[in-house]
Amino acid sequence: MPNARSRSRVPGQFEALVICGDRSIPVITDNLSLKGMLCHTGDCSGLEAGTLCTLRLELARDIAVEISASVVRCGEDSLAMNFQDMDAASFAHLRNIVRFASEDADAIDGEVGTSGEV
């Protein structure tokens, strides 16, 4: 079966938080793209497809990527999310992470439209 994804996914294990309302769920990313991620978590019970959350990935003490996202699926120990919106700085950091982990950084650049949209 061919891969129907329009974005390259790259491996990357980063500690992050998925914040849904007043709940903060620690996760470890499994793979990332410019449009989403798969991560591992101890408990994502109660999260249904379509739930809106914020992904917070701290890169340094004063640098964090914050992305509005929606839950695609929540499994026994995994959570898949689709990115909805992020500011320009978060997008630049995410793009650099994905480019660095990619076997073909130029392909990642090709996934970004001329207006900067993904």
PDB file of N, CA and C in Angstrom:
ATOM      1  N   MET A   1       0.842  -1.177   0.000  1.00  0.00           N
ATOM      2  CA  MET A   1       0.000   0.000   0.000  1.00  0.00           C
ATOM      3  C   MET A   1       0.889   1.242   0.000  1.00  0.00           C
ATOM      4  N   PRO A   2       0.676   2.165  -0.927  1.00  0.00           N
ATOM      5  CA  PRO A   2       1.501   3.367  -0.979  1.00  0.00           C
ATOM      6  C   PRO A   2       1.199   4.291   0.192  1.00  0.00           C
ATOM      7  N   ASN A   3       2.204   5.094   0.559  1.00  0.00           N
ATOM      8  CA  ASN A   3       2.058   6.055   1.643  1.00  0.00           C
ATOM      9  C   ASN A   3       1.227   7.238   1.150  1.00  0.00           C
ATOM     10  N   ALA A   4       0.087   7.478   1.785  1.00  0.00           N
ATOM     11  CA  ALA A   4      -0.801   8.554   1.373  1.00  0.00           C
ATOM     12  C   ALA A   4      -0.448   9.889   2.024  1.00  0.00           C
ATOM     13  N   ARG A   5       0.530   9.900   2.894  1.00  0.00           N
ATOM     14  CA  ARG A   5       0.913  11.138   3.567  1.00  0.00           C
ATOM     15  C   ARG A   5       1.561  12.100   2.576  1.00  0.00           C
ATOM     16  N   SER A   6       1.227  13.369   2.745  1.00  0.00           N
ATOM     17  CA  SER A   6       1.816  14.372   1.859  1.00  0.00           C
ATOM     18  C   SER A   6       3.041  15.024   2.488  1.00  0.00           C
ATOM     19  N   ARG A   7       3.371  14.666   3.708  1.00  0.00           N
ATOM     20  CA  ARG A   7       4.515  15.235   4.403  1.00  0.00           C
ATOM     21  C   ARG A   7       5.451  14.129   4.868  1.00  0.00           C
ATOM     22  N   SER A   8       6.734  14.401   4.822  1.00  0.00           N
ATOM     23  CA  SER A   8       7.735  13.444   5.290  1.00  0.00           C
ATOM     24  C   SER A   8       7.693  13.357   6.797  1.00  0.00           C
ATOM     25  N   ARG A   9       7.725  12.137   7.300  1.00  0.00           N
ATOM     26  CA  ARG A   9       7.814  11.923   8.757  1.00  0.00           C
ATOM     27  C   ARG A   9       9.232  11.495   9.067  1.00  0.00           C
ATOM     28  N   VAL A  10       9.758  12.043  10.159  1.00  0.00           N
ATOM     29  CA  VAL A  10      11.116  11.714  10.568  1.00  0.00           C
ATOM     30  C   VAL A  10      11.096  11.225  12.014  1.00  0.00           C
ATOM     31  N   PRO A  11      12.019  10.328  12.344  1.00  0.00           N
ATOM     32  CA  PRO A  11      12.073   9.871  13.736  1.00  0.00           C
ATOM     33  C   PRO A  11      12.612  10.981  14.630  1.00  0.00           C
ATOM     34  N   GLY A  12      12.158  10.978  15.846  1.00  0.00           N
ATOM     35  CA  GLY A  12      12.657  11.958  16.805  1.00  0.00           C
ATOM     36  C   GLY A  12      12.031  11.726  18.160  1.00  0.00           C
ATOM     37  N   GLN A  13      12.850  11.462  19.139  1.00  0.00           N
ATOM     38  CA  GLN A  13      12.359  11.212  20.489  1.00  0.00           C
ATOM     39  C   GLN A  13      12.643  12.449  21.348  1.00  0.00           C
ATOM     40  N   PHE A  14      11.588  13.217  21.566  1.00  0.00           N
ATOM     41  CA  PHE A  14      11.667  14.434  22.372  1.00  0.00           C
ATOM     42  C   PHE A  14      10.612  14.371  23.461  1.00  0.00           C
ATOM     43  N   GLU A  15      10.961  14.838  24.645  1.00  0.00           N
ATOM     44  CA  GLU A  15       9.966  14.968  25.705  1.00  0.00           C
ATOM     45  C   GLU A  15       9.140  16.205  25.411  1.00  0.00           C
ATOM     46  N   ALA A  16       7.831  16.085  25.575  1.00  0.00           N
ATOM     47  CA  ALA A  16       6.936  17.203  25.305  1.00  0.00           C
ATOM     48  C   ALA A  16       5.713  17.094  26.207  1.00  0.00           C
ATOM     49  N   LEU A  17       4.888  18.111  26.160  1.00  0.00           N
ATOM     50  CA  LEU A  17       3.608  18.100  26.874  1.00  0.00           C
ATOM     51  C   LEU A  17       2.494  18.322  25.871  1.00  0.00           C
ATOM     52  N   VAL A  18       1.422  17.563  26.020  1.00  0.00           N
ATOM     53  CA  VAL A  18       0.196  17.802  25.279  1.00  0.00           C
ATOM     54  C   VAL A  18      -0.775  18.376  26.305  1.00  0.00           C
ATOM     55  N   ILE A  19      -1.221  19.594  26.070  1.00  0.00           N
ATOM     56  CA  ILE A  19      -2.075  20.297  27.017  1.00  0.00           C
ATOM     57  C   ILE A  19      -3.480  20.374  26.435  1.00  0.00           C
ATOM     58  N   CYS A  20      -4.414  19.750  27.127  1.00  0.00           N
ATOM     59  CA  CYS A  20      -5.820  19.742  26.712  1.00  0.00           C
ATOM     60  C   CYS A  20      -6.643  20.265  27.879  1.00  0.00           C
ATOM     61  N   GLY A  21      -7.108  21.490  27.771  1.00  0.00           N
ATOM     62  CA  GLY A  21      -7.845  22.090  28.882  1.00  0.00           C
ATOM     63  C   GLY A  21      -6.928  22.245  30.080  1.00  0.00           C
ATOM     64  N   ASP A  22      -7.334  21.691  31.220  1.00  0.00           N
ATOM     65  CA  ASP A  22      -6.511  21.781  32.426  1.00  0.00           C
ATOM     66  C   ASP A  22      -5.648  20.539  32.629  1.00  0.00           C
ATOM     67  N   ARG A  23      -5.572  19.706  31.626  1.00  0.00           N
ATOM     68  CA  ARG A  23      -4.810  18.456  31.703  1.00  0.00           C
ATOM     69  C   ARG A  23      -3.509  18.578  30.900  1.00  0.00           C
ATOM     70  N   SER A  24      -2.374  18.244  31.523  1.00  0.00           N
ATOM     71  CA  SER A  24      -1.069  18.219  30.849  1.00  0.00           C
ATOM     72  C   SER A  24      -0.592  16.780  30.801  1.00  0.00           C
ATOM     73  N   ILE A  25      -0.377  16.276  29.600  1.00  0.00           N
ATOM     74  CA  ILE A  25      -0.002  14.881  29.409  1.00  0.00           C
ATOM     75  C   ILE A  25       1.437  14.823  28.916  1.00  0.00           C
ATOM     76  N   PRO A  26       2.360  14.252  29.710  1.00  0.00           N
ATOM     77  CA  PRO A  26       3.731  14.099  29.231  1.00  0.00           C
ATOM     78  C   PRO A  26       3.788  13.038  28.137  1.00  0.00           C
ATOM     79  N   VAL A  27       4.525  13.343  27.074  1.00  0.00           N
ATOM     80  CA  VAL A  27       4.661  12.421  25.953  1.00  0.00           C
ATOM     81  C   VAL A  27       6.117  12.364  25.505  1.00  0.00           C
ATOM     82  N   ILE A  28       6.430  11.326  24.756  1.00  0.00           N
ATOM     83  CA  ILE A  28       7.708  11.206  24.055  1.00  0.00           C
ATOM     84  C   ILE A  28       7.364  11.069  22.580  1.00  0.00           C
ATOM     85  N   THR A  29       7.862  11.978  21.769  1.00  0.00           N
ATOM     86  CA  THR A  29       7.556  11.899  20.347  1.00  0.00           C
ATOM     87  C   THR A  29       8.218  10.661  19.742  1.00  0.00           C
ATOM     88  N   ASP A  30       7.538  10.080  18.781  1.00  0.00           N
ATOM     89  CA  ASP A  30       8.065   8.939  18.040  1.00  0.00           C
ATOM     90  C   ASP A  30       8.503   9.397  16.660  1.00  0.00           C
ATOM     91  N   ASN A  31       7.627  10.153  16.004  1.00  0.00           N
ATOM     92  CA  ASN A  31       7.992  10.747  14.726  1.00  0.00           C
ATOM     93  C   ASN A  31       7.253  12.067  14.557  1.00  0.00           C
ATOM     94  N   LEU A  32       7.833  12.916  13.732  1.00  0.00           N
ATOM     95  CA  LEU A  32       7.311  14.258  13.501  1.00  0.00           C
ATOM     96  C   LEU A  32       7.274  14.563  12.015  1.00  0.00           C
ATOM     97  N   SER A  33       6.360  15.424  11.638  1.00  0.00           N
ATOM     98  CA  SER A  33       6.360  16.002  10.299  1.00  0.00           C
ATOM     99  C   SER A  33       6.024  17.477  10.473  1.00  0.00           C
ATOM    100  N   LEU A  34       5.924  18.187   9.372  1.00  0.00           N
ATOM    101  CA  LEU A  34       5.536  19.589   9.449  1.00  0.00           C
ATOM    102  C   LEU A  34       4.048  19.735   9.751  1.00  0.00           C
ATOM    103  N   LYS A  35       3.297  18.644   9.681  1.00  0.00           N
ATOM    104  CA  LYS A  35       1.848  18.700   9.895  1.00  0.00           C
ATOM    105  C   LYS A  35       1.335  17.834  11.030  1.00  0.00           C
ATOM    106  N   GLY A  36       2.196  17.057  11.692  1.00  0.00           N
ATOM    107  CA  GLY A  36       1.670  16.218  12.759  1.00  0.00           C
ATOM    108  C   GLY A  36       2.747  15.401  13.433  1.00  0.00           C
ATOM    109  N   MET A  37       2.291  14.549  14.356  1.00  0.00           N
ATOM    110  CA  MET A  37       3.237  13.710  15.089  1.00  0.00           C
ATOM    111  C   MET A  37       2.528  12.474  15.627  1.00  0.00           C
ATOM    112  N   LEU A  38       3.359  11.491  15.929  1.00  0.00           N
ATOM    113  CA  LEU A  38       2.939  10.316  16.682  1.00  0.00           C
ATOM    114  C   LEU A  38       3.792  10.319  17.932  1.00  0.00           C
ATOM    115  N   CYS A  39       3.178  10.096  19.079  1.00  0.00           N
ATOM    116  CA  CYS A  39       3.937  10.090  20.316  1.00  0.00           C
ATOM    117  C   CYS A  39       3.460   8.969  21.222  1.00  0.00           C
ATOM    118  N   HIS A  40       4.263   8.677  22.218  1.00  0.00           N
ATOM    119  CA  HIS A  40       3.936   7.655  23.208  1.00  0.00           C
ATOM    120  C   HIS A  40       3.590   8.346  24.509  1.00  0.00           C
ATOM    121  N   THR A  41       2.590   7.814  25.174  1.00  0.00           N
ATOM    122  CA  THR A  41       2.150   8.382  26.437  1.00  0.00           C
ATOM    123  C   THR A  41       1.647   7.272  27.341  1.00  0.00           C
ATOM    124  N   GLY A  42       1.724   7.504  28.615  1.00  0.00           N
ATOM    125  CA  GLY A  42       1.232   6.510  29.563  1.00  0.00           C
ATOM    126  C   GLY A  42      -0.278   6.485  29.629  1.00  0.00           C
ATOM    127  N   ASP A  43      -0.931   7.634  29.379  1.00  0.00           N
ATOM    128  CA  ASP A  43      -2.376   7.683  29.512  1.00  0.00           C
ATOM    129  C   ASP A  43      -2.949   8.837  28.706  1.00  0.00           C
ATOM    130  N   CYS A  44      -3.659   8.506  27.664  1.00  0.00           N
ATOM    131  CA  CYS A  44      -4.367   9.541  26.912  1.00  0.00           C
ATOM    132  C   CYS A  44      -5.866   9.260  26.952  1.00  0.00           C
ATOM    133  N   SER A  45      -6.287   8.547  27.982  1.00  0.00           N
ATOM    134  CA  SER A  45      -7.706   8.221  28.110  1.00  0.00           C
ATOM    135  C   SER A  45      -8.532   9.496  28.142  1.00  0.00           C
ATOM    136  N   GLY A  46      -9.690   9.429  27.561  1.00  0.00           N
ATOM    137  CA  GLY A  46     -10.580  10.574  27.532  1.00  0.00           C
ATOM    138  C   GLY A  46     -10.363  11.504  26.355  1.00  0.00           C
ATOM    139  N   LEU A  47      -9.298  11.306  25.613  1.00  0.00           N
ATOM    140  CA  LEU A  47      -9.066  12.135  24.425  1.00  0.00           C
ATOM    141  C   LEU A  47      -9.670  11.429  23.219  1.00  0.00           C
ATOM    142  N   GLU A  48     -10.516  12.128  22.526  1.00  0.00           N
ATOM    143  CA  GLU A  48     -11.162  11.573  21.342  1.00  0.00           C
ATOM    144  C   GLU A  48     -10.680  12.309  20.100  1.00  0.00           C
ATOM    145  N   ALA A  49     -10.840  11.671  18.953  1.00  0.00           N
ATOM    146  CA  ALA A  49     -10.486  12.314  17.687  1.00  0.00           C
ATOM    147  C   ALA A  49     -11.199  13.660  17.601  1.00  0.00           C
ATOM    148  N   GLY A  50     -10.452  14.674  17.219  1.00  0.00           N
ATOM    149  CA  GLY A  50     -10.998  16.017  17.097  1.00  0.00           C
ATOM    150  C   GLY A  50     -10.758  16.901  18.306  1.00  0.00           C
ATOM    151  N   THR A  51     -10.347  16.316  19.434  1.00  0.00           N
ATOM    152  CA  THR A  51     -10.056  17.114  20.629  1.00  0.00           C
ATOM    153  C   THR A  51      -8.933  18.102  20.312  1.00  0.00           C
ATOM    154  N   LEU A  52      -9.129  19.359  20.647  1.00  0.00           N
ATOM    155  CA  LEU A  52      -8.113  20.385  20.408  1.00  0.00           C
ATOM    156  C   LEU A  52      -7.184  20.480  21.607  1.00  0.00           C
ATOM    157  N   CYS A  53      -5.900  20.531  21.327  1.00  0.00           N
ATOM    158  CA  CYS A  53      -4.871  20.573  22.361  1.00  0.00           C
ATOM    159  C   CYS A  53      -3.754  21.504  21.910  1.00  0.00           C
ATOM    160  N   THR A  54      -2.791  21.674  22.794  1.00  0.00           N
ATOM    161  CA  THR A  54      -1.569  22.405  22.468  1.00  0.00           C
ATOM    162  C   THR A  54      -0.393  21.486  22.741  1.00  0.00           C
ATOM    163  N   LEU A  55       0.497  21.380  21.780  1.00  0.00           N
ATOM    164  CA  LEU A  55       1.748  20.647  21.967  1.00  0.00           C
ATOM    165  C   LEU A  55       2.799  21.657  22.404  1.00  0.00           C
ATOM    166  N   ARG A  56       3.502  21.351  23.485  1.00  0.00           N
ATOM    167  CA  ARG A  56       4.594  22.218  23.950  1.00  0.00           C
ATOM    168  C   ARG A  56       5.863  21.387  24.010  1.00  0.00           C
ATOM    169  N   LEU A  57       6.822  21.776  23.196  1.00  0.00           N
ATOM    170  CA  LEU A  57       8.105  21.099  23.098  1.00  0.00           C
ATOM    171  C   LEU A  57       9.188  22.106  23.490  1.00  0.00           C
ATOM    172  N   GLU A  58       9.786  21.913  24.661  1.00  0.00           N
ATOM    173  CA  GLU A  58      10.815  22.843  25.120  1.00  0.00           C
ATOM    174  C   GLU A  58      12.158  22.446  24.533  1.00  0.00           C
ATOM    175  N   LEU A  59      12.762  23.383  23.818  1.00  0.00           N
ATOM    176  CA  LEU A  59      14.055  23.142  23.185  1.00  0.00           C
ATOM    177  C   LEU A  59      15.204  23.612  24.076  1.00  0.00           C
ATOM    178  N   ALA A  60      14.939  24.650  24.851  1.00  0.00           N
ATOM    179  CA  ALA A  60      15.905  25.207  25.805  1.00  0.00           C
ATOM    180  C   ALA A  60      15.095  25.900  26.890  1.00  0.00           C
ATOM    181  N   ARG A  61      15.771  26.363  27.898  1.00  0.00           N
ATOM    182  CA  ARG A  61      15.060  26.968  29.027  1.00  0.00           C
ATOM    183  C   ARG A  61      14.138  28.096  28.591  1.00  0.00           C
ATOM    184  N   ASP A  62      14.538  28.863  27.596  1.00  0.00           N
ATOM    185  CA  ASP A  62      13.721  29.992  27.159  1.00  0.00           C
ATOM    186  C   ASP A  62      13.239  29.877  25.712  1.00  0.00           C
ATOM    187  N   ILE A  63      13.312  28.670  25.152  1.00  0.00           N
ATOM    188  CA  ILE A  63      12.853  28.443  23.774  1.00  0.00           C
ATOM    189  C   ILE A  63      11.919  27.240  23.754  1.00  0.00           C
ATOM    190  N   ALA A  64      10.683  27.465  23.291  1.00  0.00           N
ATOM    191  CA  ALA A  64       9.714  26.377  23.206  1.00  0.00           C
ATOM    192  C   ALA A  64       8.935  26.476  21.902  1.00  0.00           C
ATOM    193  N   VAL A  65       8.588  25.328  21.384  1.00  0.00           N
ATOM    194  CA  VAL A  65       7.694  25.232  20.233  1.00  0.00           C
ATOM    195  C   VAL A  65       6.303  25.005  20.797  1.00  0.00           C
ATOM    196  N   GLU A  66       5.350  25.845  20.417  1.00  0.00           N
ATOM    197  CA  GLU A  66       3.956  25.657  20.825  1.00  0.00           C
ATOM    198  C   GLU A  66       3.108  25.577  19.579  1.00  0.00           C
ATOM    199  N   ILE A  67       2.341  24.482  19.496  1.00  0.00           N
ATOM    200  CA  ILE A  67       1.564  24.208  18.297  1.00  0.00           C
ATOM    201  C   ILE A  67       0.146  23.830  18.698  1.00  0.00           C
ATOM    202  N   SER A  68      -0.842  24.493  18.108  1.00  0.00           N
ATOM    203  CA  SER A  68      -2.231  24.080  18.269  1.00  0.00           C
ATOM    204  C   SER A  68      -2.420  22.835  17.415  1.00  0.00           C
ATOM    205  N   ALA A  69      -3.056  21.816  17.998  1.00  0.00           N
ATOM    206  CA  ALA A  69      -3.195  20.545  17.300  1.00  0.00           C
ATOM    207  C   ALA A  69      -4.528  19.897  17.641  1.00  0.00           C
ATOM    208  N   SER A  70      -4.913  18.932  16.823  1.00  0.00           N
ATOM    209  CA  SER A  70      -6.112  18.149  17.126  1.00  0.00           C
ATOM    210  C   SER A  70      -5.724  16.675  17.177  1.00  0.00           C
ATOM    211  N   VAL A  71      -6.389  15.960  18.048  1.00  0.00           N
ATOM    212  CA  VAL A  71      -6.148  14.529  18.187  1.00  0.00           C
ATOM    213  C   VAL A  71      -6.705  13.815  16.956  1.00  0.00           C
ATOM    214  N   VAL A  72      -5.884  12.955  16.364  1.00  0.00           N
ATOM    215  CA  VAL A  72      -6.333  12.115  15.256  1.00  0.00           C
ATOM    216  C   VAL A  72      -6.796  10.775  15.815  1.00  0.00           C
ATOM    217  N   ARG A  73      -5.977  10.222  16.713  1.00  0.00           N
ATOM    218  CA  ARG A  73      -6.366   8.982  17.384  1.00  0.00           C
ATOM    219  C   ARG A  73      -5.576   8.839  18.675  1.00  0.00           C
ATOM    220  N   CYS A  74      -6.181   8.132  19.602  1.00  0.00           N
ATOM    221  CA  CYS A  74      -5.568   7.859  20.894  1.00  0.00           C
ATOM    222  C   CYS A  74      -5.645   6.360  21.111  1.00  0.00           C
ATOM    223  N   GLY A  75      -4.484   5.722  21.158  1.00  0.00           N
ATOM    224  CA  GLY A  75      -4.431   4.283  21.351  1.00  0.00           C
ATOM    225  C   GLY A  75      -4.075   3.936  22.777  1.00  0.00           C
ATOM    226  N   GLU A  76      -3.742   2.683  22.981  1.00  0.00           N
ATOM    227  CA  GLU A  76      -3.424   2.209  24.325  1.00  0.00           C
ATOM    228  C   GLU A  76      -2.254   2.973  24.939  1.00  0.00           C
ATOM    229  N   ASP A  77      -1.219   3.210  24.154  1.00  0.00           N
ATOM    230  CA  ASP A  77      -0.062   3.952  24.669  1.00  0.00           C
ATOM    231  C   ASP A  77       0.476   4.959  23.661  1.00  0.00           C
ATOM    232  N   SER A  78      -0.322   5.294  22.659  1.00  0.00           N
ATOM    233  CA  SER A  78       0.137   6.236  21.647  1.00  0.00           C
ATOM    234  C   SER A  78      -0.937   7.271  21.341  1.00  0.00           C
ATOM    235  N   LEU A  79      -0.477   8.387  20.815  1.00  0.00           N
ATOM    236  CA  LEU A  79      -1.345   9.503  20.488  1.00  0.00           C
ATOM    237  C   LEU A  79      -0.870  10.090  19.166  1.00  0.00           C
ATOM    238  N   ALA A  80      -1.780  10.229  18.211  1.00  0.00           N
ATOM    239  CA  ALA A  80      -1.458  10.846  16.924  1.00  0.00           C
ATOM    240  C   ALA A  80      -2.168  12.192  16.861  1.00  0.00           C
ATOM    241  N   MET A  81      -1.426  13.205  16.409  1.00  0.00           N
ATOM    242  CA  MET A  81      -1.983  14.549  16.356  1.00  0.00           C
ATOM    243  C   MET A  81      -1.719  15.197  15.003  1.00  0.00           C
ATOM    244  N   ASN A  82      -2.665  16.035  14.603  1.00  0.00           N
ATOM    245  CA  ASN A  82      -2.546  16.827  13.388  1.00  0.00           C
ATOM    246  C   ASN A  82      -2.349  18.278  13.809  1.00  0.00           C
ATOM    247  N   PHE A  83      -1.285  18.907  13.327  1.00  0.00           N
ATOM    248  CA  PHE A  83      -1.015  20.288  13.689  1.00  0.00           C
ATOM    249  C   PHE A  83      -1.985  21.213  12.967  1.00  0.00           C
ATOM    250  N   GLN A  84      -2.514  22.184  13.709  1.00  0.00           N
ATOM    251  CA  GLN A  84      -3.485  23.127  13.167  1.00  0.00           C
ATOM    252  C   GLN A  84      -2.895  24.507  12.913  1.00  0.00           C
ATOM    253  N   ASP A  85      -2.143  25.015  13.899  1.00  0.00           N
ATOM    254  CA  ASP A  85      -1.655  26.384  13.802  1.00  0.00           C
ATOM    255  C   ASP A  85      -0.448  26.571  14.715  1.00  0.00           C
ATOM    256  N   MET A  86       0.476  27.433  14.298  1.00  0.00           N
ATOM    257  CA  MET A  86       1.632  27.768  15.131  1.00  0.00           C
ATOM    258  C   MET A  86       2.174  29.107  14.662  1.00  0.00           C
ATOM    259  N   ASP A  87       2.900  29.773  15.539  1.00  0.00           N
ATOM    260  CA  ASP A  87       3.488  31.049  15.147  1.00  0.00           C
ATOM    261  C   ASP A  87       4.729  30.804  14.293  1.00  0.00           C
ATOM    262  N   ALA A  88       5.251  31.859  13.717  1.00  0.00           N
ATOM    263  CA  ALA A  88       6.379  31.741  12.783  1.00  0.00           C
ATOM    264  C   ALA A  88       7.624  31.164  13.449  1.00  0.00           C
ATOM    265  N   ALA A  89       7.891  31.559  14.688  1.00  0.00           N
ATOM    266  CA  ALA A  89       9.083  31.049  15.380  1.00  0.00           C
ATOM    267  C   ALA A  89       8.955  29.550  15.646  1.00  0.00           C
ATOM    268  N   SER A  90       7.777  29.096  16.075  1.00  0.00           N
ATOM    269  CA  SER A  90       7.570  27.663  16.319  1.00  0.00           C
ATOM    270  C   SER A  90       7.705  26.880  15.016  1.00  0.00           C
ATOM    271  N   PHE A  91       7.163  27.437  13.925  1.00  0.00           N
ATOM    272  CA  PHE A  91       7.287  26.750  12.636  1.00  0.00           C
ATOM    273  C   PHE A  91       8.757  26.650  12.229  1.00  0.00           C
ATOM    274  N   ALA A  92       9.517  27.712  12.419  1.00  0.00           N
ATOM    275  CA  ALA A  92      10.933  27.686  12.043  1.00  0.00           C
ATOM    276  C   ALA A  92      11.687  26.626  12.838  1.00  0.00           C
ATOM    277  N   HIS A  93      11.413  26.526  14.138  1.00  0.00           N
ATOM    278  CA  HIS A  93      12.067  25.497  14.962  1.00  0.00           C
ATOM    279  C   HIS A  93      11.648  24.093  14.521  1.00  0.00           C
ATOM    280  N   LEU A  94      10.345  23.885  14.300  1.00  0.00           N
ATOM    281  CA  LEU A  94       9.861  22.581  13.859  1.00  0.00           C
ATOM    282  C   LEU A  94      10.486  22.201  12.517  1.00  0.00           C
ATOM    283  N   ARG A  95      10.516  23.132  11.608  1.00  0.00           N
ATOM    284  CA  ARG A  95      11.113  22.876  10.285  1.00  0.00           C
ATOM    285  C   ARG A  95      12.580  22.477  10.424  1.00  0.00           C
ATOM    286  N   ASN A  96      13.318  23.163  11.280  1.00  0.00           N
ATOM    287  CA  ASN A  96      14.728  22.811  11.483  1.00  0.00           C
ATOM    288  C   ASN A  96      14.883  21.424  12.084  1.00  0.00           C
ATOM    289  N   ILE A  97      14.026  21.066  13.038  1.00  0.00           N
ATOM    290  CA  ILE A  97      14.074  19.725  13.632  1.00  0.00           C
ATOM    291  C   ILE A  97      13.829  18.669  12.569  1.00  0.00           C
ATOM    292  N   VAL A  98      12.795  18.872  11.766  1.00  0.00           N
ATOM    293  CA  VAL A  98      12.438  17.896  10.736  1.00  0.00           C
ATOM    294  C   VAL A  98      13.530  17.828   9.666  1.00  0.00           C
ATOM    295  N   ARG A  99      14.043  18.962   9.249  1.00  0.00           N
ATOM    296  CA  ARG A  99      15.124  18.984   8.250  1.00  0.00           C
ATOM    297  C   ARG A  99      16.355  18.245   8.763  1.00  0.00           C
ATOM    298  N   PHE A 100      16.724  18.487  10.028  1.00  0.00           N
ATOM    299  CA  PHE A 100      17.912  17.870  10.612  1.00  0.00           C
ATOM    300  C   PHE A 100      17.780  16.348  10.643  1.00  0.00           C
ATOM    301  N   ALA A 101      16.604  15.847  10.964  1.00  0.00           N
ATOM    302  CA  ALA A 101      16.393  14.404  11.102  1.00  0.00           C
ATOM    303  C   ALA A 101      16.103  13.717   9.767  1.00  0.00           C
ATOM    304  N   SER A 102      15.858  14.487   8.736  1.00  0.00           N
ATOM    305  CA  SER A 102      15.509  13.925   7.429  1.00  0.00           C
ATOM    306  C   SER A 102      16.741  13.446   6.667  1.00  0.00           C
ATOM    307  N   GLU A 103      16.547  12.420   5.865  1.00  0.00           N
ATOM    308  CA  GLU A 103      17.624  11.968   4.971  1.00  0.00           C
ATOM    309  C   GLU A 103      17.780  12.913   3.784  1.00  0.00           C
ATOM    310  N   ASP A 104      16.750  13.721   3.513  1.00  0.00           N
ATOM    311  CA  ASP A 104      16.773  14.640   2.385  1.00  0.00           C
ATOM    312  C   ASP A 104      16.169  15.983   2.802  1.00  0.00           C
ATOM    313  N   ALA A 105      17.011  16.850   3.351  1.00  0.00           N
ATOM    314  CA  ALA A 105      16.535  18.139   3.850  1.00  0.00           C
ATOM    315  C   ALA A 105      15.906  18.973   2.742  1.00  0.00           C
ATOM    316  N   ASP A 106      16.387  18.841   1.518  1.00  0.00           N
ATOM    317  CA  ASP A 106      15.811  19.592   0.401  1.00  0.00           C
ATOM    318  C   ASP A 106      14.369  19.184   0.146  1.00  0.00           C
ATOM    319  N   ALA A 107      14.049  17.918   0.375  1.00  0.00           N
ATOM    320  CA  ALA A 107      12.671  17.457   0.202  1.00  0.00           C
ATOM    321  C   ALA A 107      11.751  18.134   1.215  1.00  0.00           C
ATOM    322  N   ILE A 108      12.249  18.348   2.417  1.00  0.00           N
ATOM    323  CA  ILE A 108      11.456  19.035   3.437  1.00  0.00           C
ATOM    324  C   ILE A 108      11.197  20.472   2.994  1.00  0.00           C
ATOM    325  N   ASP A 109      12.223  21.128   2.467  1.00  0.00           N
ATOM    326  CA  ASP A 109      12.025  22.490   1.958  1.00  0.00           C
ATOM    327  C   ASP A 109      10.977  22.521   0.853  1.00  0.00           C
ATOM    328  N   GLY A 110      10.926  21.484   0.045  1.00  0.00           N
ATOM    329  CA  GLY A 110       9.949  21.401  -1.028  1.00  0.00           C
ATOM    330  C   GLY A 110       8.521  21.227  -0.536  1.00  0.00           C
ATOM    331  N   GLU A 111       8.362  20.787   0.714  1.00  0.00           N
ATOM    332  CA  GLU A 111       7.035  20.613   1.286  1.00  0.00           C
ATOM    333  C   GLU A 111       6.430  21.920   1.779  1.00  0.00           C
ATOM    334  N   VAL A 112       7.265  22.948   1.878  1.00  0.00           N
ATOM    335  CA  VAL A 112       6.803  24.250   2.341  1.00  0.00           C
ATOM    336  C   VAL A 112       6.429  25.070   1.122  1.00  0.00           C
ATOM    337  N   GLY A 113       5.183  25.557   1.076  1.00  0.00           N
ATOM    338  CA  GLY A 113       4.725  26.374  -0.046  1.00  0.00           C
ATOM    339  C   GLY A 113       5.442  27.703  -0.082  1.00  0.00           C
ATOM    340  N   THR A 114       5.313  28.394  -1.160  1.00  0.00           N
ATOM    341  CA  THR A 114       5.988  29.677  -1.318  1.00  0.00           C
ATOM    342  C   THR A 114       5.481  30.709  -0.319  1.00  0.00           C
ATOM    343  N   SER A 115       4.263  30.549   0.188  1.00  0.00           N
ATOM    344  CA  SER A 115       3.755  31.504   1.171  1.00  0.00           C
ATOM    345  C   SER A 115       4.159  31.120   2.584  1.00  0.00           C
ATOM    346  N   GLY A 116       4.890  30.009   2.728  1.00  0.00           N
ATOM    347  CA  GLY A 116       5.290  29.563   4.054  1.00  0.00           C
ATOM    348  C   GLY A 116       4.300  28.601   4.668  1.00  0.00           C
ATOM    349  N   GLU A 117       3.183  28.347   3.961  1.00  0.00           N
ATOM    350  CA  GLU A 117       2.187  27.410   4.485  1.00  0.00           C
ATOM    351  C   GLU A 117       2.625  25.983   4.240  1.00  0.00           C
ATOM    352  N   VAL A 118       2.203  25.120   5.135  1.00  0.00           N
ATOM    353  CA  VAL A 118       2.540  23.702   5.034  1.00  0.00           C
ATOM    354  C   VAL A 118       1.365  22.938   4.510  1.00  0.00           C
TER     355      VAL A 118
END
